[in-house]
């Protein structure tokens, strides 16, 4: 026997009605829209690295305008140091809520706020003000190391390393590494670890910066997490650091003295006992190398520190969506359980 379900629910004394199906659809659309709104920053971070290899994307994240240590930005620019080749283009995407500039020259730094140091432009390139949601691009035609900063917020600085005839980096097995950051999941698939190093093609005698980010893979967002980072080469442990990322972001510097396969490993991520591993081959530097000099990279503004309190604030963004989804499920169950109680409204 078929159960006949009415489609009317009276909202007022007039003939204006809304069906149960329409209410369900409206609630579902609202839930989806809210989830998309909350997840959009994460989606942008996932989509941006997929851009064409001839264009390198650098993001100005939300919170970069704030010079304090508890800003929401894990770094002033993502990534803070970018390696490209001659005639390659860099596009900056402003995801902050304030305008910014991309200006070549020396940044003022956080200490510049006290000394009224607004930075020193070099005159090579200047984007002018990039409004929120807008982009600006520049093509680098000569090899070298280029520092840049924001003239509006002069504590923000970043680096572009331009190399000529740079070979493709490979892992320890000789397989080409064509896209950074390198993404790895822990064996239990609970955590995602993203690692990039600059320059991508590592040579002896040149300083390398390792930048990494941890994500909760169940509800994807960057997280502060404990980790043990080790660098091993030719079977010998060269470097070990036990620390905690700040809201997901972390970094380390290292200089290789010898060529050969190198392994980068994160252990005990978020005190879970889980690990991930990466590898590459370090090449011997020679006199004809055009790899950009990384001297002065120690002066880079460090990634911003963030309060652990933000761990507790993030769920607040998801709570309304979860409550709405729960209400929709409950309404559907009620409709299925008591269809005989629904009557036509005369």
Protein backbone atom coordinates (compact mmCIF):
# COMPACT_ATOMS: atom_id res chain seq x y z
CA UNK A 1 0.00 0.00 0.00
CA UNK A 2 1.33 3.38 -0.97
CA UNK A 3 1.53 6.05 1.66
CA UNK A 4 0.39 9.42 0.50
CA UNK A 5 2.41 12.28 1.94
CA UNK A 6 1.13 15.81 1.72
CA UNK A 7 3.37 18.65 0.61
CA UNK A 8 1.86 21.52 2.57
CA UNK A 9 2.84 23.32 5.71
CA UNK A 10 0.95 26.48 6.59
CA UNK A 11 3.10 29.50 7.50
CA UNK A 12 0.30 32.10 7.76
CA UNK A 13 -3.39 32.61 7.29
CA UNK A 14 -3.06 33.25 3.57
CA UNK A 15 -2.26 30.76 0.81
CA UNK A 16 1.53 31.04 1.19
CA UNK A 17 2.84 27.53 1.88
CA UNK A 18 6.13 25.63 1.79
CA UNK A 19 6.31 21.91 1.10
CA UNK A 20 8.30 19.47 3.22
CA UNK A 21 10.52 18.71 0.24
CA UNK A 22 11.17 22.41 -0.34
CA UNK A 23 12.08 22.88 3.33
CA UNK A 24 14.43 19.90 3.15
CA UNK A 25 16.03 21.22 -0.03
CA UNK A 26 16.42 24.73 1.37
CA UNK A 27 18.02 23.42 4.57
CA UNK A 28 20.37 21.20 2.61
CA UNK A 29 21.40 24.06 0.33
CA UNK A 30 22.05 26.27 3.36
CA UNK A 31 24.23 23.56 4.92
CA UNK A 32 26.25 23.09 1.75
CA UNK A 33 26.67 26.84 1.27
CA UNK A 34 27.89 27.28 4.85
CA UNK A 35 30.35 24.41 4.55
CA UNK A 36 31.72 25.83 1.29
CA UNK A 37 32.10 29.26 2.92
CA UNK A 38 34.02 27.82 5.85
CA UNK A 39 36.15 25.52 3.72
CA UNK A 40 36.99 28.06 1.02
CA UNK A 41 40.39 29.08 2.48
CA UNK A 42 41.38 25.42 2.63
CA UNK A 43 40.17 24.81 -0.92
CA UNK A 44 42.18 27.80 -2.19
CA UNK A 45 45.31 26.41 -0.62
CA UNK A 46 44.67 23.06 -2.29
CA UNK A 47 43.85 24.51 -5.70
CA UNK A 48 46.62 27.12 -5.93
CA UNK A 49 49.57 24.67 -6.18
CA UNK A 50 47.91 23.03 -9.17
CA UNK A 51 48.64 26.02 -11.41
CA UNK A 52 50.72 25.70 -14.57
CA UNK A 53 54.40 24.93 -14.06
CA UNK A 54 55.32 28.16 -15.91
CA UNK A 55 53.53 30.26 -13.26
CA UNK A 56 54.44 30.02 -9.59
CA UNK A 57 51.67 30.98 -7.16
CA UNK A 58 52.51 32.88 -3.95
CA UNK A 59 49.64 33.56 -1.54
CA UNK A 60 49.30 36.51 0.82
CA UNK A 61 47.34 34.78 3.60
CA UNK A 62 44.71 36.19 5.91
CA UNK A 63 46.34 37.96 8.87
CA UNK A 64 49.52 39.06 7.07
CA UNK A 65 48.60 42.68 7.85
CA UNK A 66 49.11 41.99 11.59
CA UNK A 67 52.71 42.31 12.90
CA UNK A 68 51.88 40.59 16.21
CA UNK A 69 52.96 37.05 17.04
CA UNK A 70 49.39 35.81 17.47
CA UNK A 71 48.35 36.57 13.90
CA UNK A 72 46.32 34.04 11.92
CA UNK A 73 48.96 33.99 9.14
CA UNK A 74 51.44 31.09 9.45
CA UNK A 75 53.81 33.08 7.21
CA UNK A 76 53.72 36.49 5.55
CA UNK A 77 53.82 34.82 2.13
CA UNK A 78 53.07 31.21 1.23
CA UNK A 79 55.69 30.09 0.39
CA UNK A 80 58.05 32.61 2.00
CA UNK A 81 60.92 31.61 -0.31
CA UNK A 82 60.20 30.50 -3.88
CA UNK A 83 62.59 28.98 -6.40
CA UNK A 84 61.93 29.49 -10.12
CA UNK A 85 63.88 29.53 -13.38
CA UNK A 86 64.73 32.39 -15.69
CA UNK A 87 61.71 33.71 -17.66
CA UNK A 88 59.28 32.10 -15.23
CA UNK A 89 56.38 34.15 -13.83
CA UNK A 90 55.34 34.55 -10.21
CA UNK A 91 51.73 35.48 -9.43
CA UNK A 92 50.82 36.82 -6.00
CA UNK A 93 47.25 36.24 -4.79
CA UNK A 94 45.96 38.51 -2.02
CA UNK A 95 43.74 36.44 0.29
CA UNK A 96 44.08 38.95 3.12
CA UNK A 97 41.44 41.52 4.09
CA UNK A 98 43.71 44.51 3.44
CA UNK A 99 45.65 45.78 0.43
CA UNK A 100 49.33 44.87 0.00
CA UNK A 101 52.23 45.66 -2.32
CA UNK A 102 54.93 43.46 -3.82
CA UNK A 103 57.95 45.75 -3.83
CA UNK A 104 61.56 44.72 -4.47
CA UNK A 105 63.99 45.73 -1.74
CA UNK A 106 64.80 45.28 1.95
CA UNK A 107 61.95 44.96 4.44
CA UNK A 108 61.83 46.91 7.67
CA UNK A 109 61.09 43.89 9.86
CA UNK A 110 59.15 43.81 13.11
CA UNK A 111 61.86 45.86 14.80
CA UNK A 112 61.27 48.52 12.15
CA UNK A 113 57.99 49.39 13.87
CA UNK A 114 60.01 50.76 16.79
CA UNK A 115 62.66 52.42 14.63
CA UNK A 116 60.15 53.76 12.09
CA UNK A 117 61.93 51.76 9.37
CA UNK A 118 59.53 51.51 6.43
CA UNK A 119 61.86 49.41 4.26
CA UNK A 120 64.15 50.27 1.36
CA UNK A 121 62.73 49.72 -2.15
CA UNK A 122 65.29 48.80 -4.82
CA UNK A 123 63.18 50.05 -7.75
CA UNK A 124 63.27 46.79 -9.71
CA UNK A 125 59.55 46.03 -9.43
CA UNK A 126 56.53 47.40 -7.58
CA UNK A 127 52.97 46.11 -7.88
CA UNK A 128 51.22 49.10 -6.36
CA UNK A 129 48.36 48.25 -4.03
CA UNK A 130 46.89 44.78 -4.62
CA UNK A 131 43.35 44.85 -3.26
CA UNK A 132 41.84 41.85 -1.42
CA UNK A 133 40.96 39.08 -3.85
CA UNK A 134 43.16 40.52 -6.61
CA UNK A 135 46.43 39.25 -8.15
CA UNK A 136 49.64 40.65 -9.57
CA UNK A 137 52.30 38.93 -11.70
CA UNK A 138 55.95 39.53 -12.56
CA UNK A 139 58.28 37.64 -14.90
CA UNK A 140 61.92 37.28 -13.78
CA UNK A 141 64.37 37.45 -16.69
CA UNK A 142 67.71 37.28 -14.85
CA UNK A 143 69.08 34.78 -12.33
CA UNK A 144 69.68 35.90 -8.76
CA UNK A 145 68.10 36.28 -5.34
CA UNK A 146 65.33 38.87 -5.02
CA UNK A 147 63.98 40.07 -1.71
CA UNK A 148 60.62 41.83 -1.64
CA UNK A 149 58.28 43.32 0.94
CA UNK A 150 55.03 45.24 1.40
CA UNK A 151 55.41 49.02 1.67
CA UNK A 152 52.10 49.24 3.53
CA UNK A 153 53.11 46.55 6.04
CA UNK A 154 56.94 46.65 5.91
CA UNK A 155 57.46 43.75 8.35
CA UNK A 156 56.30 41.41 5.57
CA UNK A 157 59.12 40.05 3.42
CA UNK A 158 59.72 37.17 1.03
CA UNK A 159 62.33 35.83 -1.37
CA UNK A 160 62.39 34.75 -4.99
CA UNK A 161 65.41 32.66 -6.06
CA UNK A 162 65.82 32.65 -9.84
CA UNK A 163 68.04 29.95 -11.32
CA UNK A 164 69.23 29.46 -14.89
CA UNK A 165 69.27 26.01 -16.50
CA UNK A 166 68.27 24.36 -13.26
CA UNK A 167 67.89 20.58 -13.57
CA UNK A 168 64.76 18.90 -12.28
CA UNK A 169 65.12 17.67 -8.68
CA UNK A 170 64.68 13.94 -8.09
CA UNK A 171 64.00 11.68 -5.16
CA UNK A 172 66.56 9.19 -3.89
CA UNK A 173 65.42 6.67 -6.52
CA UNK A 174 65.96 9.11 -9.40
CA UNK A 175 62.27 9.87 -9.97
CA UNK A 176 61.63 13.52 -10.93
CA UNK A 177 59.93 15.75 -8.38
CA UNK A 178 57.69 17.94 -10.51
CA UNK A 179 55.42 19.60 -7.97
CA UNK A 180 55.92 21.15 -4.53
CA UNK A 181 54.96 20.90 -1.75
CA UNK A 182 55.31 17.14 -1.54
CA UNK A 183 52.28 15.64 0.18
CA UNK A 184 52.45 12.54 2.37
CA UNK A 185 49.83 10.80 4.51
CA UNK A 186 50.72 8.96 7.71
CA UNK A 187 50.20 5.16 7.52
CA UNK A 188 46.91 5.50 9.44
CA UNK A 189 45.85 8.30 7.02
CA UNK A 190 45.02 10.48 10.03
CA UNK A 191 47.50 13.26 9.22
CA UNK A 192 48.81 14.94 6.08
CA UNK A 193 52.33 16.42 6.02
CA UNK A 194 53.30 18.85 3.25
CA UNK A 195 57.00 19.62 2.75
CA UNK A 196 58.84 21.91 0.35
CA UNK A 197 62.46 22.94 0.24
CA UNK A 198 64.06 25.94 -1.41
CA UNK A 199 65.87 25.71 -3.72
CA UNK A 200 64.22 22.52 -4.98
CA UNK A 201 67.47 21.37 -6.61
CA UNK A 202 69.79 21.02 -3.61
CA UNK A 203 73.55 21.44 -4.06
CA UNK A 204 76.37 21.26 -1.55
CA UNK A 205 77.44 24.52 0.03
CA UNK A 206 74.07 26.23 -0.47
CA UNK A 207 71.69 26.91 2.39
CA UNK A 208 68.35 25.13 2.08
CA UNK A 209 65.16 26.13 3.86
CA UNK A 210 62.62 23.42 4.67
CA UNK A 211 59.03 24.66 5.08
CA UNK A 212 56.34 22.25 6.25
CA UNK A 213 52.70 22.14 7.22
CA UNK A 214 50.61 19.52 9.04
CA UNK A 215 46.91 18.91 8.43
CA UNK A 216 44.19 16.96 10.16
CA UNK A 217 43.09 14.66 7.34
CA UNK A 218 39.68 13.91 8.89
CA UNK A 219 38.49 17.53 8.96
CA UNK A 220 41.15 19.16 6.72
CA UNK A 221 42.71 22.23 8.26
CA UNK A 222 46.26 23.11 9.35
CA UNK A 223 47.03 22.15 12.95
CA UNK A 224 49.76 22.88 15.49
CA UNK A 225 51.49 19.56 16.05
CA UNK A 226 54.49 18.06 17.82
CA UNK A 227 57.09 16.51 15.50
CA UNK A 228 60.63 15.15 15.30
CA UNK A 229 62.38 16.21 12.08
CA UNK A 230 65.54 14.38 11.00
CA UNK A 231 67.84 14.65 7.98
CA UNK A 232 69.84 11.55 7.08
CA UNK A 233 72.42 11.26 4.30
CA UNK A 234 74.47 8.26 3.27
CA UNK A 235 73.22 6.39 6.33
CA UNK A 236 74.33 9.12 8.76
CA UNK A 237 72.02 11.34 10.79
CA UNK A 238 73.03 14.94 10.09
CA UNK A 239 70.25 16.91 11.76
CA UNK A 240 67.52 16.34 14.33
CA UNK A 241 64.97 18.76 15.75
CA UNK A 242 62.06 18.09 18.11
CA UNK A 243 59.56 20.94 18.15
CA UNK A 244 55.95 21.94 17.65
CA UNK A 245 54.55 23.75 14.64
CA UNK A 246 52.60 26.94 15.17
CA UNK A 247 49.12 26.49 13.72
CA UNK A 248 50.50 24.01 11.20
CA UNK A 249 53.54 25.89 9.86
CA UNK A 250 57.20 25.28 10.60
CA UNK A 251 60.62 25.65 9.03
CA UNK A 252 64.29 24.64 9.37
CA UNK A 253 67.54 25.65 7.65
CA UNK A 254 70.32 23.26 6.65
CA UNK A 255 73.46 23.26 4.49
CA UNK A 256 74.78 20.04 2.93
CA UNK A 257 78.54 19.52 2.75
CA UNK A 258 78.50 16.25 0.80
CA UNK A 259 76.56 15.00 -2.22
CA UNK A 260 74.40 11.89 -2.17
CA UNK A 261 70.87 10.65 -1.37
CA UNK A 262 69.23 12.46 1.55
CA UNK A 263 66.16 11.42 3.56
CA UNK A 264 63.87 13.88 5.36
CA UNK A 265 61.62 12.33 7.98
CA UNK A 266 58.91 13.51 10.37
CA UNK A 267 58.30 11.21 13.34
CA UNK A 268 55.71 11.17 16.13
CA UNK A 269 53.47 13.71 14.37
CA UNK A 270 51.04 15.22 16.89
CA UNK A 271 52.35 12.69 19.47
CA UNK A 272 50.64 9.94 17.47
CA UNK A 273 53.70 7.77 16.78
CA UNK A 274 53.00 8.19 13.06
CA UNK A 275 55.72 9.11 10.54
CA UNK A 276 56.20 10.29 6.96
CA UNK A 277 59.32 10.32 4.80
CA UNK A 278 60.70 12.22 1.78
CA UNK A 279 63.96 11.97 -0.16
CA UNK A 280 66.09 13.72 -2.75
CA UNK A 281 69.60 13.63 -4.19
CA UNK A 282 72.05 16.35 -3.19
CA UNK A 283 74.38 17.25 -6.06
CA UNK A 284 77.97 18.45 -5.89
CA UNK A 285 78.30 22.17 -6.52
CA UNK A 286 80.65 23.14 -9.35
CA UNK A 287 82.05 26.42 -10.63
CA UNK A 288 79.58 26.59 -13.52
CA UNK A 289 76.56 26.34 -11.23
CA UNK A 290 74.03 29.16 -11.56
CA UNK A 291 72.02 28.21 -8.50
CA UNK A 292 71.09 31.37 -6.61
CA UNK A 293 73.04 32.14 -3.46
CA UNK A 294 70.95 31.76 -0.33
CA UNK A 295 73.17 34.07 1.74
CA UNK A 296 71.13 36.37 3.92
CA UNK A 297 68.19 34.00 4.24
CA UNK A 298 68.71 33.96 8.03
CA UNK A 299 67.40 37.53 8.02
CA UNK A 300 64.00 36.47 6.71
CA UNK A 301 61.04 37.36 8.89
CA UNK A 302 60.15 34.15 10.68
CA UNK A 303 56.73 32.55 10.29
CA UNK A 304 54.23 34.20 12.61
CA UNK A 305 53.55 32.56 15.96
CA UNK A 306 49.96 31.67 16.75
CA UNK A 307 48.08 31.07 19.98
CA UNK A 308 47.06 27.48 20.67
CA UNK A 309 43.70 29.00 21.63
CA UNK A 310 42.87 29.02 17.92
CA UNK A 311 42.62 25.22 18.11
CA UNK A 312 39.49 25.69 20.18
CA UNK A 313 38.07 28.49 18.05
CA UNK A 314 38.13 26.60 14.73
CA UNK A 315 35.30 24.18 15.69
CA UNK A 316 33.03 27.18 16.23
CA UNK A 317 33.03 27.77 12.47
CA UNK A 318 31.77 24.25 11.82
CA UNK A 319 29.22 24.04 14.65
CA UNK A 320 26.37 25.92 12.86
CA UNK A 321 26.73 23.71 9.78
CA UNK A 322 26.72 20.53 11.88
CA UNK A 323 23.65 21.65 13.82
CA UNK A 324 21.79 22.46 10.60
CA UNK A 325 22.73 19.09 9.12
CA UNK A 326 21.46 17.37 12.28
CA UNK A 327 18.12 19.20 12.08
CA UNK A 328 17.70 18.15 8.43
CA UNK A 329 18.38 14.49 9.27
CA UNK A 330 15.92 14.62 12.17
CA UNK A 331 13.18 16.10 9.96
CA UNK A 332 13.69 13.38 7.36
CA UNK A 333 13.38 10.67 10.03
CA UNK A 334 10.18 12.21 11.36
CA UNK A 335 8.68 12.30 7.86
CA UNK A 336 9.46 8.62 7.31
CA UNK A 337 8.27 7.51 10.76
CA UNK A 338 4.86 9.18 10.86
CA UNK A 339 3.55 9.68 7.34
CA UNK A 340 0.03 8.78 8.44
CA UNK A 341 -0.17 11.79 10.73
CA UNK A 342 0.24 14.27 7.85
CA UNK A 343 -3.09 15.54 6.57
CA UNK A 344 -4.10 17.92 3.90
CA UNK A 345 -4.78 21.41 5.10
CA UNK A 346 -8.10 22.63 3.86
